[in-house]
PDB file of N, CA and C in Angstrom:
ATOM      1  N   MET A   1       0.845  -1.185   0.000  1.00  0.00           N
ATOM      2  CA  MET A   1       0.000   0.000   0.000  1.00  0.00           C
ATOM      3  C   MET A   1       0.885   1.241   0.000  1.00  0.00           C
ATOM      4  N   ARG A   2       0.760   2.072  -0.989  1.00  0.00           N
ATOM      5  CA  ARG A   2       1.465   3.360  -0.980  1.00  0.00           C
ATOM      6  C   ARG A   2       0.460   4.410  -0.520  1.00  0.00           C
ATOM      7  N   PRO A   3       0.602   4.859   0.731  1.00  0.00           N
ATOM      8  CA  PRO A   3      -0.378   5.798   1.270  1.00  0.00           C
ATOM      9  C   PRO A   3      -0.203   7.201   0.704  1.00  0.00           C
ATOM     10  N   LYS A   4      -1.265   7.985   0.841  1.00  0.00           N
ATOM     11  CA  LYS A   4      -1.175   9.383   0.422  1.00  0.00           C
ATOM     12  C   LYS A   4      -0.189  10.119   1.305  1.00  0.00           C
ATOM     13  N   ARG A   5       0.240  11.250   0.829  1.00  0.00           N
ATOM     14  CA  ARG A   5       1.124  12.096   1.634  1.00  0.00           C
ATOM     15  C   ARG A   5       0.274  12.914   2.593  1.00  0.00           C
ATOM     16  N   PHE A   6       0.780  13.083   3.770  1.00  0.00           N
ATOM     17  CA  PHE A   6       0.154  13.943   4.763  1.00  0.00           C
ATOM     18  C   PHE A   6       1.026  15.181   4.922  1.00  0.00           C
ATOM     19  N   LYS A   7       0.450  16.221   5.473  1.00  0.00           N
ATOM     20  CA  LYS A   7       1.230  17.396   5.820  1.00  0.00           C
ATOM     21  C   LYS A   7       2.248  16.979   6.880  1.00  0.00           C
ATOM     22  N   LYS A   8       3.472  17.494   6.779  1.00  0.00           N
ATOM     23  CA  LYS A   8       4.525  17.139   7.735  1.00  0.00           C
ATOM     24  C   LYS A   8       4.037  17.401   9.159  1.00  0.00           C
ATOM     25  N   PHE A   9       4.310  16.463  10.038  1.00  0.00           N
ATOM     26  CA  PHE A   9       3.969  16.476  11.465  1.00  0.00           C
ATOM     27  C   PHE A   9       2.490  16.191  11.742  1.00  0.00           C
ATOM     28  N   THR A  10       1.730  15.732  10.730  1.00  0.00           N
ATOM     29  CA  THR A  10       0.355  15.310  10.979  1.00  0.00           C
ATOM     30  C   THR A  10       0.369  14.106  11.910  1.00  0.00           C
ATOM     31  N   PRO A  11      -0.411  14.134  13.015  1.00  0.00           N
ATOM     32  CA  PRO A  11      -0.495  12.955  13.884  1.00  0.00           C
ATOM     33  C   PRO A  11      -1.211  11.819  13.132  1.00  0.00           C
ATOM     34  N   ILE A  12      -0.620  10.620  13.158  1.00  0.00           N
ATOM     35  CA  ILE A  12      -1.203   9.473  12.444  1.00  0.00           C
ATOM     36  C   ILE A  12      -1.088   8.194  13.268  1.00  0.00           C
ATOM     37  N   ALA A  13      -1.953   7.245  12.915  1.00  0.00           N
ATOM     38  CA  ALA A  13      -1.868   5.869  13.419  1.00  0.00           C
ATOM     39  C   ALA A  13      -1.612   4.980  12.206  1.00  0.00           C
ATOM     40  N   VAL A  14      -0.519   4.226  12.237  1.00  0.00           N
ATOM     41  CA  VAL A  14      -0.161   3.329  11.136  1.00  0.00           C
ATOM     42  C   VAL A  14      -0.423   1.893  11.592  1.00  0.00           C
ATOM     43  N   TYR A  15      -1.297   1.191  10.887  1.00  0.00           N
ATOM     44  CA  TYR A  15      -1.613  -0.212  11.161  1.00  0.00           C
ATOM     45  C   TYR A  15      -0.790  -1.058  10.201  1.00  0.00           C
ATOM     46  N   TRP A  16      -0.006  -1.998  10.743  1.00  0.00           N
ATOM     47  CA  TRP A  16       0.885  -2.763   9.875  1.00  0.00           C
ATOM     48  C   TRP A  16       1.180  -4.138  10.473  1.00  0.00           C
ATOM     49  N   GLU A  17       1.707  -5.012   9.646  1.00  0.00           N
ATOM     50  CA  GLU A  17       2.073  -6.372  10.039  1.00  0.00           C
ATOM     51  C   GLU A  17       3.584  -6.482  10.136  1.00  0.00           C
ATOM     52  N   ASP A  18       4.063  -7.023  11.255  1.00  0.00           N
ATOM     53  CA  ASP A  18       5.497  -7.161  11.478  1.00  0.00           C
ATOM     54  C   ASP A  18       5.916  -8.621  11.364  1.00  0.00           C
ATOM     55  N   ILE A  19       7.155  -8.821  11.029  1.00  0.00           N
ATOM     56  CA  ILE A  19       7.740 -10.160  10.933  1.00  0.00           C
ATOM     57  C   ILE A  19       7.890 -10.748  12.324  1.00  0.00           C
ATOM     58  N   VAL A  20       7.626 -12.033  12.439  1.00  0.00           N
ATOM     59  CA  VAL A  20       7.841 -12.771  13.687  1.00  0.00           C
ATOM     60  C   VAL A  20       8.715 -13.971  13.353  1.00  0.00           C
ATOM     61  N   SER A  21       9.717 -14.219  14.170  1.00  0.00           N
ATOM     62  CA  SER A  21      10.545 -15.408  13.965  1.00  0.00           C
ATOM     63  C   SER A  21      10.688 -16.142  15.294  1.00  0.00           C
ATOM     64  N   GLU A  22      10.989 -17.400  15.195  1.00  0.00           N
ATOM     65  CA  GLU A  22      11.139 -18.246  16.384  1.00  0.00           C
ATOM     66  C   GLU A  22      12.409 -19.054  16.209  1.00  0.00           C
ATOM     67  N   SER A  23      13.315 -18.964  17.172  1.00  0.00           N
ATOM     68  CA  SER A  23      14.605 -19.632  17.021  1.00  0.00           C
ATOM     69  C   SER A  23      14.698 -20.970  17.758  1.00  0.00           C
ATOM     70  N   LYS A  24      13.628 -21.411  18.368  1.00  0.00           N
ATOM     71  CA  LYS A  24      13.648 -22.721  19.028  1.00  0.00           C
ATOM     72  C   LYS A  24      13.045 -23.772  18.081  1.00  0.00           C
ATOM     73  N   TRP A  25      13.216 -25.022  18.427  1.00  0.00           N
ATOM     74  CA  TRP A  25      12.632 -26.094  17.630  1.00  0.00           C
ATOM     75  C   TRP A  25      11.122 -26.101  17.848  1.00  0.00           C
ATOM     76  N   ASN A  26      10.357 -26.204  16.746  1.00  0.00           N
ATOM     77  CA  ASN A  26       8.902 -26.183  16.798  1.00  0.00           C
ATOM     78  C   ASN A  26       8.333 -27.386  16.068  1.00  0.00           C
ATOM     79  N   THR A  27       7.193 -27.830  16.554  1.00  0.00           N
ATOM     80  CA  THR A  27       6.491 -28.922  15.876  1.00  0.00           C
ATOM     81  C   THR A  27       5.748 -28.345  14.672  1.00  0.00           C
ATOM     82  N   PRO A  28       5.389 -29.193  13.704  1.00  0.00           N
ATOM     83  CA  PRO A  28       4.578 -28.702  12.579  1.00  0.00           C
ATOM     84  C   PRO A  28       3.279 -28.042  13.048  1.00  0.00           C
ATOM     85  N   SER A  29       2.688 -28.560  14.106  1.00  0.00           N
ATOM     86  CA  SER A  29       1.463 -27.972  14.649  1.00  0.00           C
ATOM     87  C   SER A  29       1.707 -26.550  15.160  1.00  0.00           C
ATOM     88  N   ASP A  30       2.841 -26.347  15.856  1.00  0.00           N
ATOM     89  CA  ASP A  30       3.186 -25.000  16.336  1.00  0.00           C
ATOM     90  C   ASP A  30       3.381 -24.040  15.164  1.00  0.00           C
ATOM     91  N   ILE A  31       4.044 -24.505  14.126  1.00  0.00           N
ATOM     92  CA  ILE A  31       4.312 -23.665  12.962  1.00  0.00           C
ATOM     93  C   ILE A  31       3.010 -23.304  12.253  1.00  0.00           C
ATOM     94  N   ASP A  32       2.063 -24.250  12.185  1.00  0.00           N
ATOM     95  CA  ASP A  32       0.767 -23.979  11.555  1.00  0.00           C
ATOM     96  C   ASP A  32       0.008 -22.870  12.290  1.00  0.00           C
ATOM     97  N   LYS A  33       0.221 -22.742  13.594  1.00  0.00           N
ATOM     98  CA  LYS A  33      -0.474 -21.729  14.402  1.00  0.00           C
ATOM     99  C   LYS A  33       0.216 -20.366  14.367  1.00  0.00           C
ATOM    100  N   ALA A  34       1.425 -20.308  13.826  1.00  0.00           N
ATOM    101  CA  ALA A  34       2.203 -19.063  13.827  1.00  0.00           C
ATOM    102  C   ALA A  34       1.560 -18.012  12.932  1.00  0.00           C
ATOM    103  N   LYS A  35       1.714 -16.751  13.334  1.00  0.00           N
ATOM    104  CA  LYS A  35       1.195 -15.653  12.523  1.00  0.00           C
ATOM    105  C   LYS A  35       2.048 -14.402  12.736  1.00  0.00           C
ATOM    106  N   THR A  36       1.866 -13.437  11.866  1.00  0.00           N
ATOM    107  CA  THR A  36       2.594 -12.178  12.004  1.00  0.00           C
ATOM    108  C   THR A  36       2.026 -11.385  13.178  1.00  0.00           C
ATOM    109  N   ALA A  37       2.755 -10.362  13.578  1.00  0.00           N
ATOM    110  CA  ALA A  37       2.307  -9.507  14.673  1.00  0.00           C
ATOM    111  C   ALA A  37       1.601  -8.280  14.101  1.00  0.00           C
ATOM    112  N   SER A  38       0.374  -8.041  14.539  1.00  0.00           N
ATOM    113  CA  SER A  38      -0.356  -6.838  14.145  1.00  0.00           C
ATOM    114  C   SER A  38       0.097  -5.698  15.043  1.00  0.00           C
ATOM    115  N   VAL A  39       0.526  -4.587  14.423  1.00  0.00           N
ATOM    116  CA  VAL A  39       1.118  -3.469  15.159  1.00  0.00           C
ATOM    117  C   VAL A  39       0.392  -2.177  14.812  1.00  0.00           C
ATOM    118  N   ILE A  40       0.257  -1.299  15.795  1.00  0.00           N
ATOM    119  CA  ILE A  40      -0.218   0.060  15.564  1.00  0.00           C
ATOM    120  C   ILE A  40       0.887   0.996  16.048  1.00  0.00           C
ATOM    121  N   THR A  41       1.399   1.812  15.151  1.00  0.00           N
ATOM    122  CA  THR A  41       2.414   2.807  15.496  1.00  0.00           C
ATOM    123  C   THR A  41       1.754   4.180  15.483  1.00  0.00           C
ATOM    124  N   LEU A  42       1.855   4.890  16.596  1.00  0.00           N
ATOM    125  CA  LEU A  42       1.324   6.245  16.703  1.00  0.00           C
ATOM    126  C   LEU A  42       2.480   7.228  16.622  1.00  0.00           C
ATOM    127  N   GLY A  43       2.293   8.293  15.869  1.00  0.00           N
ATOM    128  CA  GLY A  43       3.357   9.285  15.771  1.00  0.00           C
ATOM    129  C   GLY A  43       2.987  10.403  14.830  1.00  0.00           C
ATOM    130  N   PHE A  44       4.004  11.074  14.327  1.00  0.00           N
ATOM    131  CA  PHE A  44       3.832  12.219  13.450  1.00  0.00           C
ATOM    132  C   PHE A  44       4.442  11.905  12.091  1.00  0.00           C
ATOM    133  N   PHE A  45       3.671  12.124  11.023  1.00  0.00           N
ATOM    134  CA  PHE A  45       4.164  11.886   9.672  1.00  0.00           C
ATOM    135  C   PHE A  45       5.366  12.785   9.396  1.00  0.00           C
ATOM    136  N   LEU A  46       6.461  12.166   8.943  1.00  0.00           N
ATOM    137  CA  LEU A  46       7.629  12.946   8.516  1.00  0.00           C
ATOM    138  C   LEU A  46       7.719  12.987   7.004  1.00  0.00           C
ATOM    139  N   LYS A  47       7.749  11.788   6.366  1.00  0.00           N
ATOM    140  CA  LYS A  47       7.834  11.767   4.905  1.00  0.00           C
ATOM    141  C   LYS A  47       7.610  10.364   4.378  1.00  0.00           C
ATOM    142  N   ASN A  48       7.253  10.293   3.090  1.00  0.00           N
ATOM    143  CA  ASN A  48       7.229   9.042   2.353  1.00  0.00           C
ATOM    144  C   ASN A  48       8.557   8.928   1.617  1.00  0.00           C
ATOM    145  N   LYS A  49       9.194   7.779   1.715  1.00  0.00           N
ATOM    146  CA  LYS A  49      10.385   7.483   0.934  1.00  0.00           C
ATOM    147  C   LYS A  49       9.928   6.618  -0.249  1.00  0.00           C
ATOM    148  N   LYS A  50      10.873   6.117  -1.019  1.00  0.00           N
ATOM    149  CA  LYS A  50      10.526   5.307  -2.188  1.00  0.00           C
ATOM    150  C   LYS A  50       9.733   4.051  -1.799  1.00  0.00           C
ATOM    151  N   LYS A  51      10.136   3.393  -0.701  1.00  0.00           N
ATOM    152  CA  LYS A  51       9.515   2.126  -0.327  1.00  0.00           C
ATOM    153  C   LYS A  51       8.912   2.112   1.074  1.00  0.00           C
ATOM    154  N   ALA A  52       8.917   3.263   1.757  1.00  0.00           N
ATOM    155  CA  ALA A  52       8.499   3.251   3.163  1.00  0.00           C
ATOM    156  C   ALA A  52       8.008   4.617   3.627  1.00  0.00           C
ATOM    157  N   ILE A  53       7.315   4.609   4.755  1.00  0.00           N
ATOM    158  CA  ILE A  53       6.888   5.836   5.417  1.00  0.00           C
ATOM    159  C   ILE A  53       7.776   6.034   6.649  1.00  0.00           C
ATOM    160  N   ILE A  54       8.049   7.287   6.993  1.00  0.00           N
ATOM    161  CA  ILE A  54       8.820   7.585   8.198  1.00  0.00           C
ATOM    162  C   ILE A  54       7.910   8.313   9.180  1.00  0.00           C
ATOM    163  N   VAL A  55       7.825   7.766  10.396  1.00  0.00           N
ATOM    164  CA  VAL A  55       6.980   8.302  11.454  1.00  0.00           C
ATOM    165  C   VAL A  55       7.861   8.710  12.628  1.00  0.00           C
ATOM    166  N   ALA A  56       7.687   9.962  13.103  1.00  0.00           N
ATOM    167  CA  ALA A  56       8.410  10.437  14.285  1.00  0.00           C
ATOM    168  C   ALA A  56       7.567  10.156  15.521  1.00  0.00           C
ATOM    169  N   HIS A  57       8.230   9.878  16.639  1.00  0.00           N
ATOM    170  CA  HIS A  57       7.508   9.606  17.891  1.00  0.00           C
ATOM    171  C   HIS A  57       7.551  10.789  18.837  1.00  0.00           C
ATOM    172  N   ASN A  58       8.646  11.494  18.853  1.00  0.00           N
ATOM    173  CA  ASN A  58       8.834  12.660  19.712  1.00  0.00           C
ATOM    174  C   ASN A  58       9.503  13.747  18.894  1.00  0.00           C
ATOM    175  N   LEU A  59       9.085  14.979  19.090  1.00  0.00           N
ATOM    176  CA  LEU A  59       9.652  16.097  18.350  1.00  0.00           C
ATOM    177  C   LEU A  59      10.162  17.153  19.317  1.00  0.00           C
ATOM    178  N   THR A  60      11.303  17.754  18.990  1.00  0.00           N
ATOM    179  CA  THR A  60      11.816  18.864  19.782  1.00  0.00           C
ATOM    180  C   THR A  60      11.447  20.174  19.082  1.00  0.00           C
ATOM    181  N   ASP A  61      11.695  21.295  19.755  1.00  0.00           N
ATOM    182  CA  ASP A  61      11.398  22.604  19.175  1.00  0.00           C
ATOM    183  C   ASP A  61      12.179  22.858  17.891  1.00  0.00           C
ATOM    184  N   ASP A  62      13.358  22.246  17.761  1.00  0.00           N
ATOM    185  CA  ASP A  62      14.148  22.447  16.543  1.00  0.00           C
ATOM    186  C   ASP A  62      13.984  21.284  15.554  1.00  0.00           C
ATOM    187  N   SER A  63      12.871  20.555  15.672  1.00  0.00           N
ATOM    188  CA  SER A  63      12.460  19.498  14.735  1.00  0.00           C
ATOM    189  C   SER A  63      13.334  18.247  14.758  1.00  0.00           C
ATOM    190  N   GLU A  64      14.150  18.047  15.793  1.00  0.00           N
ATOM    191  CA  GLU A  64      14.845  16.767  15.935  1.00  0.00           C
ATOM    192  C   GLU A  64      13.835  15.734  16.421  1.00  0.00           C
ATOM    193  N   SER A  65      14.061  14.470  16.057  1.00  0.00           N
ATOM    194  CA  SER A  65      13.104  13.436  16.461  1.00  0.00           C
ATOM    195  C   SER A  65      13.729  12.056  16.437  1.00  0.00           C
ATOM    196  N   ASP A  66      13.051  11.140  17.112  1.00  0.00           N
ATOM    197  CA  ASP A  66      13.325   9.721  16.910  1.00  0.00           C
ATOM    198  C   ASP A  66      12.316   9.265  15.853  1.00  0.00           C
ATOM    199  N   TYR A  67      12.491   8.070  15.290  1.00  0.00           N
ATOM    200  CA  TYR A  67      11.617   7.694  14.181  1.00  0.00           C
ATOM    201  C   TYR A  67      11.541   6.186  13.996  1.00  0.00           C
ATOM    202  N   THR A  68      10.518   5.776  13.226  1.00  0.00           N
ATOM    203  CA  THR A  68      10.363   4.404  12.751  1.00  0.00           C
ATOM    204  C   THR A  68      10.125   4.464  11.249  1.00  0.00           C
ATOM    205  N   ILE A  69      10.787   3.583  10.509  1.00  0.00           N
ATOM    206  CA  ILE A  69      10.573   3.458   9.071  1.00  0.00           C
ATOM    207  C   ILE A  69       9.791   2.168   8.841  1.00  0.00           C
ATOM    208  N   ILE A  70       8.625   2.282   8.202  1.00  0.00           N
ATOM    209  CA  ILE A  70       7.758   1.119   7.978  1.00  0.00           C
ATOM    210  C   ILE A  70       7.592   0.925   6.472  1.00  0.00           C
ATOM    211  N   PRO A  71       7.970  -0.249   5.936  1.00  0.00           N
ATOM    212  CA  PRO A  71       7.802  -0.502   4.499  1.00  0.00           C
ATOM    213  C   PRO A  71       6.330  -0.456   4.098  1.00  0.00           C
ATOM    214  N   PHE A  72       6.040   0.147   2.939  1.00  0.00           N
ATOM    215  CA  PHE A  72       4.666   0.250   2.463  1.00  0.00           C
ATOM    216  C   PHE A  72       3.987  -1.110   2.366  1.00  0.00           C
ATOM    217  N   GLY A  73       4.734  -2.147   1.983  1.00  0.00           N
ATOM    218  CA  GLY A  73       4.154  -3.476   1.819  1.00  0.00           C
ATOM    219  C   GLY A  73       3.630  -4.083   3.111  1.00  0.00           C
ATOM    220  N   CYS A  74       4.036  -3.567   4.247  1.00  0.00           N
ATOM    221  CA  CYS A  74       3.582  -4.072   5.549  1.00  0.00           C
ATOM    222  C   CYS A  74       2.357  -3.334   6.076  1.00  0.00           C
ATOM    223  N   ILE A  75       2.027  -2.192   5.473  1.00  0.00           N
ATOM    224  CA  ILE A  75       0.971  -1.316   5.990  1.00  0.00           C
ATOM    225  C   ILE A  75      -0.395  -1.729   5.460  1.00  0.00           C
ATOM    226  N   SER A  76      -1.377  -1.835   6.374  1.00  0.00           N
ATOM    227  CA  SER A  76      -2.754  -2.117   5.958  1.00  0.00           C
ATOM    228  C   SER A  76      -3.581  -0.840   5.883  1.00  0.00           C
ATOM    229  N   LYS A  77      -3.325   0.117   6.795  1.00  0.00           N
ATOM    230  CA  LYS A  77      -4.027   1.399   6.714  1.00  0.00           C
ATOM    231  C   LYS A  77      -3.308   2.445   7.567  1.00  0.00           C
ATOM    232  N   ILE A  78      -3.595   3.708   7.217  1.00  0.00           N
ATOM    233  CA  ILE A  78      -3.079   4.841   7.983  1.00  0.00           C
ATOM    234  C   ILE A  78      -4.254   5.764   8.260  1.00  0.00           C
ATOM    235  N   ILE A  79      -4.406   6.128   9.526  1.00  0.00           N
ATOM    236  CA  ILE A  79      -5.512   6.989   9.929  1.00  0.00           C
ATOM    237  C   ILE A  79      -4.946   8.269  10.542  1.00  0.00           C
ATOM    238  N   PRO A  80      -5.345   9.438  10.021  1.00  0.00           N
ATOM    239  CA  PRO A  80      -4.946  10.683  10.670  1.00  0.00           C
ATOM    240  C   PRO A  80      -5.600  10.767  12.049  1.00  0.00           C
ATOM    241  N   ILE A  81      -4.899  11.295  13.009  1.00  0.00           N
ATOM    242  CA  ILE A  81      -5.404  11.422  14.373  1.00  0.00           C
ATOM    243  C   ILE A  81      -5.666  12.891  14.668  1.00  0.00           C
ATOM    244  N   ASP A  82      -6.842  13.170  15.222  1.00  0.00           N
ATOM    245  CA  ASP A  82      -7.181  14.529  15.622  1.00  0.00           C
ATOM    246  C   ASP A  82      -6.799  14.695  17.088  1.00  0.00           C
ATOM    247  N   ILE A  83      -5.873  15.593  17.358  1.00  0.00           N
ATOM    248  CA  ILE A  83      -5.498  15.875  18.741  1.00  0.00           C
ATOM    249  C   ILE A  83      -6.340  17.067  19.170  1.00  0.00           C
ATOM    250  N   GLY A  84      -7.321  16.791  20.029  1.00  0.00           N
ATOM    251  CA  GLY A  84      -8.287  17.812  20.419  1.00  0.00           C
ATOM    252  C   GLY A  84      -7.689  18.929  21.255  1.00  0.00           C
ATOM    253  N   ASP A  85      -8.465  19.975  21.424  1.00  0.00           N
ATOM    254  CA  ASP A  85      -8.046  21.147  22.195  1.00  0.00           C
ATOM    255  C   ASP A  85      -7.669  20.813  23.634  1.00  0.00           C
ATOM    256  N   LYS A  86      -8.257  19.764  24.178  1.00  0.00           N
ATOM    257  CA  LYS A  86      -8.013  19.423  25.588  1.00  0.00           C
ATOM    258  C   LYS A  86      -6.884  18.397  25.737  1.00  0.00           C
ATOM    259  N   GLY A  87      -6.152  18.149  24.651  1.00  0.00           N
ATOM    260  CA  GLY A  87      -5.008  17.251  24.728  1.00  0.00           C
ATOM    261  C   GLY A  87      -5.352  15.794  24.498  1.00  0.00           C
ATOM    262  N   GLY A  88      -6.639  15.454  24.326  1.00  0.00           N
ATOM    263  CA  GLY A  88      -7.024  14.060  24.064  1.00  0.00           C
ATOM    264  C   GLY A  88      -6.846  13.735  22.595  1.00  0.00           C
ATOM    265  N   CYS A  89      -6.784  12.458  22.263  1.00  0.00           N
ATOM    266  CA  CYS A  89      -6.633  12.023  20.885  1.00  0.00           C
ATOM    267  C   CYS A  89      -7.906  11.315  20.440  1.00  0.00           C
ATOM    268  N   ARG A  90      -8.358  11.642  19.232  1.00  0.00           N
ATOM    269  CA  ARG A  90      -9.520  10.975  18.655  1.00  0.00           C
ATOM    270  C   ARG A  90      -9.218  10.664  17.198  1.00  0.00           C
ATOM    271  N   SER A  91      -9.607   9.500  16.738  1.00  0.00           N
ATOM    272  CA  SER A  91      -9.423   9.155  15.332  1.00  0.00           C
ATOM    273  C   SER A  91     -10.349  10.018  14.483  1.00  0.00           C
ATOM    274  N   LYS A  92      -9.869  10.433  13.300  1.00  0.00           N
ATOM    275  CA  LYS A  92     -10.711  11.206  12.389  1.00  0.00           C
ATOM    276  C   LYS A  92     -11.684  10.312  11.632  1.00  0.00           C
ATOM    277  N   ASN A  93     -11.559   8.989  11.760  1.00  0.00           N
ATOM    278  CA  ASN A  93     -12.478   8.067  11.047  1.00  0.00           C
ATOM    279  C   ASN A  93     -13.592   7.648  11.941  1.00  0.00           C
TER     280      ASN A  93
END
Protein backbone atom coordinates (compact mmCIF):
# COMPACT_ATOMS: atom_id res chain seq x y z
CA MET A 1 0.00 0.00 0.00
CA ARG A 2 1.46 3.36 -0.98
CA PRO A 3 -0.38 5.80 1.27
CA LYS A 4 -1.18 9.38 0.42
CA ARG A 5 1.12 12.10 1.63
CA PHE A 6 0.15 13.94 4.76
CA LYS A 7 1.23 17.40 5.82
CA LYS A 8 4.52 17.14 7.74
CA PHE A 9 3.97 16.48 11.47
CA THR A 10 0.36 15.31 10.98
CA PRO A 11 -0.50 12.96 13.88
CA ILE A 12 -1.20 9.47 12.44
CA ALA A 13 -1.87 5.87 13.42
CA VAL A 14 -0.16 3.33 11.14
CA TYR A 15 -1.61 -0.21 11.16
CA TRP A 16 0.88 -2.76 9.88
CA GLU A 17 2.07 -6.37 10.04
CA ASP A 18 5.50 -7.16 11.48
CA ILE A 19 7.74 -10.16 10.93
CA VAL A 20 7.84 -12.77 13.69
CA SER A 21 10.55 -15.41 13.96
CA GLU A 22 11.14 -18.25 16.38
CA SER A 23 14.61 -19.63 17.02
CA LYS A 24 13.65 -22.72 19.03
CA TRP A 25 12.63 -26.09 17.63
CA ASN A 26 8.90 -26.18 16.80
CA THR A 27 6.49 -28.92 15.88
CA PRO A 28 4.58 -28.70 12.58
CA SER A 29 1.46 -27.97 14.65
CA ASP A 30 3.19 -25.00 16.34
CA ILE A 31 4.31 -23.67 12.96
CA ASP A 32 0.77 -23.98 11.55
CA LYS A 33 -0.47 -21.73 14.40
CA ALA A 34 2.20 -19.06 13.83
CA LYS A 35 1.19 -15.65 12.52
CA THR A 36 2.59 -12.18 12.00
CA ALA A 37 2.31 -9.51 14.67
CA SER A 38 -0.36 -6.84 14.15
CA VAL A 39 1.12 -3.47 15.16
CA ILE A 40 -0.22 0.06 15.56
CA THR A 41 2.41 2.81 15.50
CA LEU A 42 1.32 6.24 16.70
CA GLY A 43 3.36 9.28 15.77
CA PHE A 44 3.83 12.22 13.45
CA PHE A 45 4.16 11.89 9.67
CA LEU A 46 7.63 12.95 8.52
CA LYS A 47 7.83 11.77 4.91
CA ASN A 48 7.23 9.04 2.35
CA LYS A 49 10.39 7.48 0.93
CA LYS A 50 10.53 5.31 -2.19
CA LYS A 51 9.51 2.13 -0.33
CA ALA A 52 8.50 3.25 3.16
CA ILE A 53 6.89 5.84 5.42
CA ILE A 54 8.82 7.59 8.20
CA VAL A 55 6.98 8.30 11.45
CA ALA A 56 8.41 10.44 14.28
CA HIS A 57 7.51 9.61 17.89
CA ASN A 58 8.83 12.66 19.71
CA LEU A 59 9.65 16.10 18.35
CA THR A 60 11.82 18.86 19.78
CA ASP A 61 11.40 22.60 19.17
CA ASP A 62 14.15 22.45 16.54
CA SER A 63 12.46 19.50 14.74
CA GLU A 64 14.85 16.77 15.93
CA SER A 65 13.10 13.44 16.46
CA ASP A 66 13.32 9.72 16.91
CA TYR A 67 11.62 7.69 14.18
CA THR A 68 10.36 4.40 12.75
CA ILE A 69 10.57 3.46 9.07
CA ILE A 70 7.76 1.12 7.98
CA PRO A 71 7.80 -0.50 4.50
CA PHE A 72 4.67 0.25 2.46
CA GLY A 73 4.15 -3.48 1.82
CA CYS A 74 3.58 -4.07 5.55
CA ILE A 75 0.97 -1.32 5.99
CA SER A 76 -2.75 -2.12 5.96
CA LYS A 77 -4.03 1.40 6.71
CA ILE A 78 -3.08 4.84 7.98
CA ILE A 79 -5.51 6.99 9.93
CA PRO A 80 -4.95 10.68 10.67
CA ILE A 81 -5.40 11.42 14.37
CA ASP A 82 -7.18 14.53 15.62
CA ILE A 83 -5.50 15.87 18.74
CA GLY A 84 -8.29 17.81 20.42
CA ASP A 85 -8.05 21.15 22.19
CA LYS A 86 -8.01 19.42 25.59
CA GLY A 87 -5.01 17.25 24.73
CA GLY A 88 -7.02 14.06 24.06
CA CYS A 89 -6.63 12.02 20.88
CA ARG A 90 -9.52 10.98 18.66
CA SER A 91 -9.42 9.15 15.33
CA LYS A 92 -10.71 11.21 12.39
CA ASN A 93 -12.48 8.07 11.05
